[in-house]
Amino acid sequence: RVVAAVATTVRPRPHRDRIVVACMDGEWHA
């Protein structure tokens, strides 16, 4: 919830390429 609050408060406009971040199948430590 803290990470979400920080993300909502600080919202820079992206100026670099798109990146996908994911936890692989079976990885629940997100």
PDB file of all heavy atoms in Angstrom:
ATOM      1  N   ARG A   1       0.841  -1.213   0.000  1.00  0.00           N
ATOM      2  CA  ARG A   1       0.000   0.000   0.000  1.00  0.00           C
ATOM      3  C   ARG A   1       0.873   1.259   0.000  1.00  0.00           C
ATOM      4  O   ARG A   1       0.511   2.269  -0.615  1.00  0.00           O
ATOM      5  CB  ARG A   1      -0.910  -0.010   1.229  1.00  0.00           C
ATOM      6  CG  ARG A   1      -1.926  -1.145   1.229  1.00  0.00           C
ATOM      7  CD  ARG A   1      -2.964  -0.943   0.148  1.00  0.00           C
ATOM      8  NE  ARG A   1      -3.777   0.240   0.441  1.00  0.00           N
ATOM      9  CZ  ARG A   1      -4.487   0.900  -0.468  1.00  0.00           C
ATOM     10  NH1 ARG A   1      -4.453   0.508  -1.736  1.00  0.00           N
ATOM     11  NH2 ARG A   1      -5.208   1.946  -0.118  1.00  0.00           N
ATOM     12  N   VAL A   2       2.014   1.194   0.677  1.00  0.00           N
ATOM     13  CA  VAL A   2       2.935   2.334   0.669  1.00  0.00           C
ATOM     14  C   VAL A   2       3.482   2.567  -0.735  1.00  0.00           C
ATOM     15  O   VAL A   2       3.530   3.708  -1.218  1.00  0.00           O
ATOM     16  CB  VAL A   2       4.091   2.100   1.669  1.00  0.00           C
ATOM     17  CG1 VAL A   2       5.187   3.148   1.488  1.00  0.00           C
ATOM     18  CG2 VAL A   2       3.571   2.125   3.106  1.00  0.00           C
ATOM     19  N   VAL A   3       3.884   1.492  -1.411  1.00  0.00           N
ATOM     20  CA  VAL A   3       4.389   1.615  -2.778  1.00  0.00           C
ATOM     21  C   VAL A   3       3.317   2.216  -3.683  1.00  0.00           C
ATOM     22  O   VAL A   3       3.587   3.092  -4.516  1.00  0.00           O
ATOM     23  CB  VAL A   3       4.855   0.249  -3.312  1.00  0.00           C
ATOM     24  CG1 VAL A   3       5.239   0.349  -4.790  1.00  0.00           C
ATOM     25  CG2 VAL A   3       6.032  -0.263  -2.495  1.00  0.00           C
ATOM     26  N   ALA A   4       2.080   1.760  -3.523  1.00  0.00           N
ATOM     27  CA  ALA A   4       0.986   2.298  -4.332  1.00  0.00           C
ATOM     28  C   ALA A   4       0.770   3.780  -4.047  1.00  0.00           C
ATOM     29  O   ALA A   4       0.525   4.575  -4.975  1.00  0.00           O
ATOM     30  CB  ALA A   4      -0.291   1.515  -4.058  1.00  0.00           C
ATOM     31  N   ALA A   5       0.883   4.171  -2.792  1.00  0.00           N
ATOM     32  CA  ALA A   5       0.689   5.582  -2.435  1.00  0.00           C
ATOM     33  C   ALA A   5       1.793   6.447  -3.025  1.00  0.00           C
ATOM     34  O   ALA A   5       1.531   7.555  -3.533  1.00  0.00           O
ATOM     35  CB  ALA A   5       0.652   5.734  -0.915  1.00  0.00           C
ATOM     36  N   VAL A   6       3.021   5.957  -2.973  1.00  0.00           N
ATOM     37  CA  VAL A   6       4.138   6.702  -3.561  1.00  0.00           C
ATOM     38  C   VAL A   6       3.942   6.833  -5.072  1.00  0.00           C
ATOM     39  O   VAL A   6       4.157   7.895  -5.660  1.00  0.00           O
ATOM     40  CB  VAL A   6       5.475   6.012  -3.240  1.00  0.00           C
ATOM     41  CG1 VAL A   6       6.620   6.646  -4.026  1.00  0.00           C
ATOM     42  CG2 VAL A   6       5.767   6.080  -1.742  1.00  0.00           C
ATOM     43  N   ALA A   7       3.513   5.740  -5.703  1.00  0.00           N
ATOM     44  CA  ALA A   7       3.297   5.760  -7.150  1.00  0.00           C
ATOM     45  C   ALA A   7       2.197   6.736  -7.541  1.00  0.00           C
ATOM     46  O   ALA A   7       2.268   7.379  -8.600  1.00  0.00           O
ATOM     47  CB  ALA A   7       2.952   4.355  -7.640  1.00  0.00           C
ATOM     48  N   THR A   8       1.188   6.866  -6.710  1.00  0.00           N
ATOM     49  CA  THR A   8       0.098   7.789  -6.997  1.00  0.00           C
ATOM     50  C   THR A   8       0.519   9.239  -6.787  1.00  0.00           C
ATOM     51  O   THR A   8       0.093  10.145  -7.513  1.00  0.00           O
ATOM     52  CB  THR A   8      -1.116   7.469  -6.098  1.00  0.00           C
ATOM     53  OG1 THR A   8      -1.542   6.127  -6.330  1.00  0.00           O
ATOM     54  CG2 THR A   8      -2.270   8.412  -6.381  1.00  0.00           C
ATOM     55  N   THR A   9       1.391   9.442  -5.807  1.00  0.00           N
ATOM     56  CA  THR A   9       1.818  10.807  -5.469  1.00  0.00           C
ATOM     57  C   THR A   9       2.835  11.351  -6.459  1.00  0.00           C
ATOM     58  O   THR A   9       2.784  12.527  -6.839  1.00  0.00           O
ATOM     59  CB  THR A   9       2.419  10.819  -4.046  1.00  0.00           C
ATOM     60  OG1 THR A   9       1.439  10.346  -3.116  1.00  0.00           O
ATOM     61  CG2 THR A   9       2.862  12.221  -3.651  1.00  0.00           C
ATOM     62  N   VAL A  10       3.768  10.496  -6.887  1.00  0.00           N
ATOM     63  CA  VAL A  10       4.839  10.915  -7.793  1.00  0.00           C
ATOM     64  C   VAL A  10       4.587  10.256  -9.144  1.00  0.00           C
ATOM     65  O   VAL A  10       4.741   9.047  -9.294  1.00  0.00           O
ATOM     66  CB  VAL A  10       6.217  10.530  -7.245  1.00  0.00           C
ATOM     67  CG1 VAL A  10       7.314  11.076  -8.143  1.00  0.00           C
ATOM     68  CG2 VAL A  10       6.388  11.023  -5.822  1.00  0.00           C
ATOM     69  N   ARG A  11       4.205  11.057 -10.127  1.00  0.00           N
ATOM     70  CA  ARG A  11       3.764  10.503 -11.417  1.00  0.00           C
ATOM     71  C   ARG A  11       4.513  11.165 -12.577  1.00  0.00           C
ATOM     72  O   ARG A  11       3.957  11.996 -13.298  1.00  0.00           O
ATOM     73  CB  ARG A  11       2.255  10.682 -11.581  1.00  0.00           C
ATOM     74  CG  ARG A  11       1.428  10.027 -10.470  1.00  0.00           C
ATOM     75  CD  ARG A  11      -0.030  10.410 -10.569  1.00  0.00           C
ATOM     76  NE  ARG A  11      -0.600  10.014 -11.843  1.00  0.00           N
ATOM     77  CZ  ARG A  11      -1.816  10.384 -12.279  1.00  0.00           C
ATOM     78  NH1 ARG A  11      -2.558  11.180 -11.529  1.00  0.00           N
ATOM     79  NH2 ARG A  11      -2.267   9.969 -13.435  1.00  0.00           N
ATOM     80  N   PRO A  12       5.785  10.823 -12.777  1.00  0.00           N
ATOM     81  CA  PRO A  12       6.513  11.416 -13.892  1.00  0.00           C
ATOM     82  C   PRO A  12       5.981  10.899 -15.229  1.00  0.00           C
ATOM     83  O   PRO A  12       5.560   9.747 -15.339  1.00  0.00           O
ATOM     84  CB  PRO A  12       7.952  10.945 -13.664  1.00  0.00           C
ATOM     85  CG  PRO A  12       7.804   9.658 -12.909  1.00  0.00           C
ATOM     86  CD  PRO A  12       6.607   9.853 -12.028  1.00  0.00           C
ATOM     87  N   ARG A  13       6.011  11.745 -16.219  1.00  0.00           N
ATOM     88  CA  ARG A  13       5.579  11.325 -17.551  1.00  0.00           C
ATOM     89  C   ARG A  13       6.714  10.528 -18.196  1.00  0.00           C
ATOM     90  O   ARG A  13       7.854  10.979 -18.224  1.00  0.00           O
ATOM     91  CB  ARG A  13       5.232  12.543 -18.406  1.00  0.00           C
ATOM     92  CG  ARG A  13       4.659  12.176 -19.785  1.00  0.00           C
ATOM     93  CD  ARG A  13       4.178  13.417 -20.497  1.00  0.00           C
ATOM     94  NE  ARG A  13       3.063  14.026 -19.783  1.00  0.00           N
ATOM     95  CZ  ARG A  13       1.798  13.639 -19.907  1.00  0.00           C
ATOM     96  NH1 ARG A  13       1.491  12.607 -20.695  1.00  0.00           N
ATOM     97  NH2 ARG A  13       0.842  14.250 -19.243  1.00  0.00           N
ATOM     98  N   PRO A  14       6.420   9.340 -18.712  1.00  0.00           N
ATOM     99  CA  PRO A  14       7.494   8.525 -19.296  1.00  0.00           C
ATOM    100  C   PRO A  14       8.086   9.176 -20.539  1.00  0.00           C
ATOM    101  O   PRO A  14       7.369   9.748 -21.354  1.00  0.00           O
ATOM    102  CB  PRO A  14       6.789   7.215 -19.645  1.00  0.00           C
ATOM    103  CG  PRO A  14       5.347   7.540 -19.731  1.00  0.00           C
ATOM    104  CD  PRO A  14       5.113   8.653 -18.775  1.00  0.00           C
ATOM    105  N   HIS A  15       9.417   9.087 -20.643  1.00  0.00           N
ATOM    106  CA  HIS A  15      10.100   9.599 -21.824  1.00  0.00           C
ATOM    107  C   HIS A  15      11.041   8.541 -22.410  1.00  0.00           C
ATOM    108  O   HIS A  15      11.799   8.839 -23.319  1.00  0.00           O
ATOM    109  CB  HIS A  15      10.893  10.863 -21.480  1.00  0.00           C
ATOM    110  CG  HIS A  15      11.923  10.667 -20.403  1.00  0.00           C
ATOM    111  ND1 HIS A  15      11.628  10.818 -19.058  1.00  0.00           N
ATOM    112  CD2 HIS A  15      13.234  10.324 -20.465  1.00  0.00           C
ATOM    113  CE1 HIS A  15      12.719  10.590 -18.339  1.00  0.00           C
ATOM    114  NE2 HIS A  15      13.709  10.292 -19.175  1.00  0.00           N
ATOM    115  N   ARG A  16      10.939   7.316 -21.860  1.00  0.00           N
ATOM    116  CA  ARG A  16      11.736   6.215 -22.366  1.00  0.00           C
ATOM    117  C   ARG A  16      10.813   5.097 -22.851  1.00  0.00           C
ATOM    118  O   ARG A  16       9.583   5.193 -22.726  1.00  0.00           O
ATOM    119  CB  ARG A  16      12.676   5.693 -21.271  1.00  0.00           C
ATOM    120  CG  ARG A  16      13.781   6.673 -20.912  1.00  0.00           C
ATOM    121  CD  ARG A  16      14.552   6.232 -19.699  1.00  0.00           C
ATOM    122  NE  ARG A  16      15.972   6.506 -19.847  1.00  0.00           N
ATOM    123  CZ  ARG A  16      16.873   6.305 -18.908  1.00  0.00           C
ATOM    124  NH1 ARG A  16      16.504   5.792 -17.731  1.00  0.00           N
ATOM    125  NH2 ARG A  16      18.147   6.586 -19.121  1.00  0.00           N
ATOM    126  N   ASP A  17      11.417   4.033 -23.400  1.00  0.00           N
ATOM    127  CA  ASP A  17      10.645   2.957 -24.014  1.00  0.00           C
ATOM    128  C   ASP A  17       9.817   2.170 -22.996  1.00  0.00           C
ATOM    129  O   ASP A  17      10.038   2.257 -21.785  1.00  0.00           O
ATOM    130  CB  ASP A  17      11.591   1.982 -24.724  1.00  0.00           C
ATOM    131  CG  ASP A  17      12.283   2.623 -25.912  1.00  0.00           C
ATOM    132  OD1 ASP A  17      11.760   3.623 -26.427  1.00  0.00           O
ATOM    133  OD2 ASP A  17      13.354   2.128 -26.304  1.00  0.00           O
ATOM    134  N   ARG A  18       8.897   1.397 -23.535  1.00  0.00           N
ATOM    135  CA  ARG A  18       8.072   0.544 -22.695  1.00  0.00           C
ATOM    136  C   ARG A  18       8.874  -0.662 -22.202  1.00  0.00           C
ATOM    137  O   ARG A  18       9.616  -1.293 -22.950  1.00  0.00           O
ATOM    138  CB  ARG A  18       6.836   0.048 -23.442  1.00  0.00           C
ATOM    139  CG  ARG A  18       6.046  -1.012 -22.674  1.00  0.00           C
ATOM    140  CD  ARG A  18       4.690  -1.274 -23.253  1.00  0.00           C
ATOM    141  NE  ARG A  18       3.838  -0.105 -23.084  1.00  0.00           N
ATOM    142  CZ  ARG A  18       2.534  -0.081 -23.389  1.00  0.00           C
ATOM    143  NH1 ARG A  18       1.956  -1.152 -23.901  1.00  0.00           N
ATOM    144  NH2 ARG A  18       1.815   1.001 -23.200  1.00  0.00           N
ATOM    145  N   ILE A  19       8.690  -0.974 -20.916  1.00  0.00           N
ATOM    146  CA  ILE A  19       9.314  -2.121 -20.275  1.00  0.00           C
ATOM    147  C   ILE A  19       8.219  -2.928 -19.593  1.00  0.00           C
ATOM    148  O   ILE A  19       7.313  -2.362 -18.971  1.00  0.00           O
ATOM    149  CB  ILE A  19      10.339  -1.679 -19.202  1.00  0.00           C
ATOM    150  CG1 ILE A  19      11.395  -0.751 -19.815  1.00  0.00           C
ATOM    151  CG2 ILE A  19      10.987  -2.882 -18.537  1.00  0.00           C
ATOM    152  CD1 ILE A  19      12.259  -1.397 -20.857  1.00  0.00           C
ATOM    153  N   VAL A  20       8.290  -4.244 -19.707  1.00  0.00           N
ATOM    154  CA  VAL A  20       7.358  -5.128 -19.002  1.00  0.00           C
ATOM    155  C   VAL A  20       8.104  -5.798 -17.852  1.00  0.00           C
ATOM    156  O   VAL A  20       9.200  -6.339 -18.039  1.00  0.00           O
ATOM    157  CB  VAL A  20       6.769  -6.189 -19.953  1.00  0.00           C
ATOM    158  CG1 VAL A  20       5.951  -7.223 -19.171  1.00  0.00           C
ATOM    159  CG2 VAL A  20       5.899  -5.518 -21.010  1.00  0.00           C
ATOM    160  N   VAL A  21       7.518  -5.750 -16.665  1.00  0.00           N
ATOM    161  CA  VAL A  21       8.080  -6.398 -15.481  1.00  0.00           C
ATOM    162  C   VAL A  21       7.076  -7.431 -14.998  1.00  0.00           C
ATOM    163  O   VAL A  21       5.885  -7.127 -14.844  1.00  0.00           O
ATOM    164  CB  VAL A  21       8.367  -5.382 -14.353  1.00  0.00           C
ATOM    165  CG1 VAL A  21       8.961  -6.091 -13.134  1.00  0.00           C
ATOM    166  CG2 VAL A  21       9.316  -4.286 -14.843  1.00  0.00           C
ATOM    167  N   ALA A  22       7.549  -8.656 -14.759  1.00  0.00           N
ATOM    168  CA  ALA A  22       6.629  -9.725 -14.359  1.00  0.00           C
ATOM    169  C   ALA A  22       7.342 -10.730 -13.466  1.00  0.00           C
ATOM    170  O   ALA A  22       8.559 -10.912 -13.556  1.00  0.00           O
ATOM    171  CB  ALA A  22       6.070 -10.444 -15.594  1.00  0.00           C
ATOM    172  N   CYS A  23       6.558 -11.361 -12.619  1.00  0.00           N
ATOM    173  CA  CYS A  23       7.031 -12.532 -11.869  1.00  0.00           C
ATOM    174  C   CYS A  23       6.655 -13.774 -12.674  1.00  0.00           C
ATOM    175  O   CYS A  23       5.519 -13.903 -13.125  1.00  0.00           O
ATOM    176  CB  CYS A  23       6.377 -12.598 -10.492  1.00  0.00           C
ATOM    177  SG  CYS A  23       6.781 -11.200  -9.421  1.00  0.00           S
ATOM    178  N   MET A  24       7.613 -14.649 -12.861  1.00  0.00           N
ATOM    179  CA  MET A  24       7.349 -15.818 -13.689  1.00  0.00           C
ATOM    180  C   MET A  24       6.359 -16.763 -13.016  1.00  0.00           C
ATOM    181  O   MET A  24       6.061 -16.640 -11.810  1.00  0.00           O
ATOM    182  CB  MET A  24       8.647 -16.531 -14.023  1.00  0.00           C
ATOM    183  CG  MET A  24       9.445 -16.975 -12.851  1.00  0.00           C
ATOM    184  SD  MET A  24      11.104 -17.453 -13.354  1.00  0.00           S
ATOM    185  CE  MET A  24      11.757 -15.938 -14.026  1.00  0.00           C
ATOM    186  N   ASP A  25       5.826 -17.667 -13.786  1.00  0.00           N
ATOM    187  CA  ASP A  25       4.806 -18.603 -13.319  1.00  0.00           C
ATOM    188  C   ASP A  25       5.273 -19.315 -12.052  1.00  0.00           C
ATOM    189  O   ASP A  25       6.369 -19.870 -12.002  1.00  0.00           O
ATOM    190  CB  ASP A  25       4.522 -19.627 -14.427  1.00  0.00           C
ATOM    191  CG  ASP A  25       3.181 -20.322 -14.235  1.00  0.00           C
ATOM    192  OD1 ASP A  25       2.496 -20.029 -13.247  1.00  0.00           O
ATOM    193  OD2 ASP A  25       2.838 -21.153 -15.091  1.00  0.00           O
ATOM    194  N   GLY A  26       4.440 -19.282 -11.006  1.00  0.00           N
ATOM    195  CA  GLY A  26       4.777 -19.915  -9.734  1.00  0.00           C
ATOM    196  C   GLY A  26       5.529 -19.027  -8.773  1.00  0.00           C
ATOM    197  O   GLY A  26       5.780 -19.430  -7.629  1.00  0.00           O
ATOM    198  N   GLU A  27       5.879 -17.819  -9.182  1.00  0.00           N
ATOM    199  CA  GLU A  27       6.590 -16.874  -8.317  1.00  0.00           C
ATOM    200  C   GLU A  27       5.583 -15.897  -7.726  1.00  0.00           C
ATOM    201  O   GLU A  27       5.021 -15.063  -8.428  1.00  0.00           O
ATOM    202  CB  GLU A  27       7.647 -16.128  -9.127  1.00  0.00           C
ATOM    203  CG  GLU A  27       8.378 -15.047  -8.337  1.00  0.00           C
ATOM    204  CD  GLU A  27       9.028 -15.613  -7.095  1.00  0.00           C
ATOM    205  OE1 GLU A  27      10.016 -16.356  -7.229  1.00  0.00           O
ATOM    206  OE2 GLU A  27       8.506 -15.327  -5.984  1.00  0.00           O
ATOM    207  N   TRP A  28       5.359 -16.028  -6.403  1.00  0.00           N
ATOM    208  CA  TRP A  28       4.324 -15.232  -5.741  1.00  0.00           C
ATOM    209  C   TRP A  28       4.906 -14.085  -4.916  1.00  0.00           C
ATOM    210  O   TRP A  28       4.152 -13.316  -4.324  1.00  0.00           O
ATOM    211  CB  TRP A  28       3.486 -16.142  -4.843  1.00  0.00           C
ATOM    212  CG  TRP A  28       2.715 -17.142  -5.642  1.00  0.00           C
ATOM    213  CD1 TRP A  28       3.038 -18.454  -5.870  1.00  0.00           C
ATOM    214  CD2 TRP A  28       1.503 -16.914  -6.367  1.00  0.00           C
ATOM    215  NE1 TRP A  28       2.105 -19.049  -6.679  1.00  0.00           N
ATOM    216  CE2 TRP A  28       1.146 -18.131  -7.002  1.00  0.00           C
ATOM    217  CE3 TRP A  28       0.679 -15.797  -6.540  1.00  0.00           C
ATOM    218  CZ2 TRP A  28       0.010 -18.266  -7.791  1.00  0.00           C
ATOM    219  CZ3 TRP A  28      -0.452 -15.926  -7.331  1.00  0.00           C
ATOM    220  CH2 TRP A  28      -0.779 -17.148  -7.938  1.00  0.00           C
ATOM    221  N   HIS A  29       6.224 -13.956  -4.859  1.00  0.00           N
ATOM    222  CA  HIS A  29       6.855 -12.852  -4.127  1.00  0.00           C
ATOM    223  C   HIS A  29       6.912 -11.634  -5.054  1.00  0.00           C
ATOM    224  O   HIS A  29       7.922 -11.393  -5.730  1.00  0.00           O
ATOM    225  CB  HIS A  29       8.256 -13.247  -3.656  1.00  0.00           C
ATOM    226  CG  HIS A  29       8.263 -14.391  -2.691  1.00  0.00           C
ATOM    227  ND1 HIS A  29       8.182 -15.705  -3.106  1.00  0.00           N
ATOM    228  CD2 HIS A  29       8.339 -14.417  -1.337  1.00  0.00           C
ATOM    229  CE1 HIS A  29       8.206 -16.502  -2.043  1.00  0.00           C
ATOM    230  NE2 HIS A  29       8.303 -15.748  -0.963  1.00  0.00           N
ATOM    231  N   ALA A  30       5.836 -10.874  -5.089  1.00  0.00           N
ATOM    232  CA  ALA A  30       5.704  -9.820  -6.100  1.00  0.00           C
ATOM    233  C   ALA A  30       6.249  -8.471  -5.650  1.00  0.00           C
ATOM    234  O   ALA A  30       6.549  -7.626  -6.501  1.00  0.00           O
ATOM    235  CB  ALA A  30       4.233  -9.662  -6.490  1.00  0.00           C
TER     236      ALA A  30
END
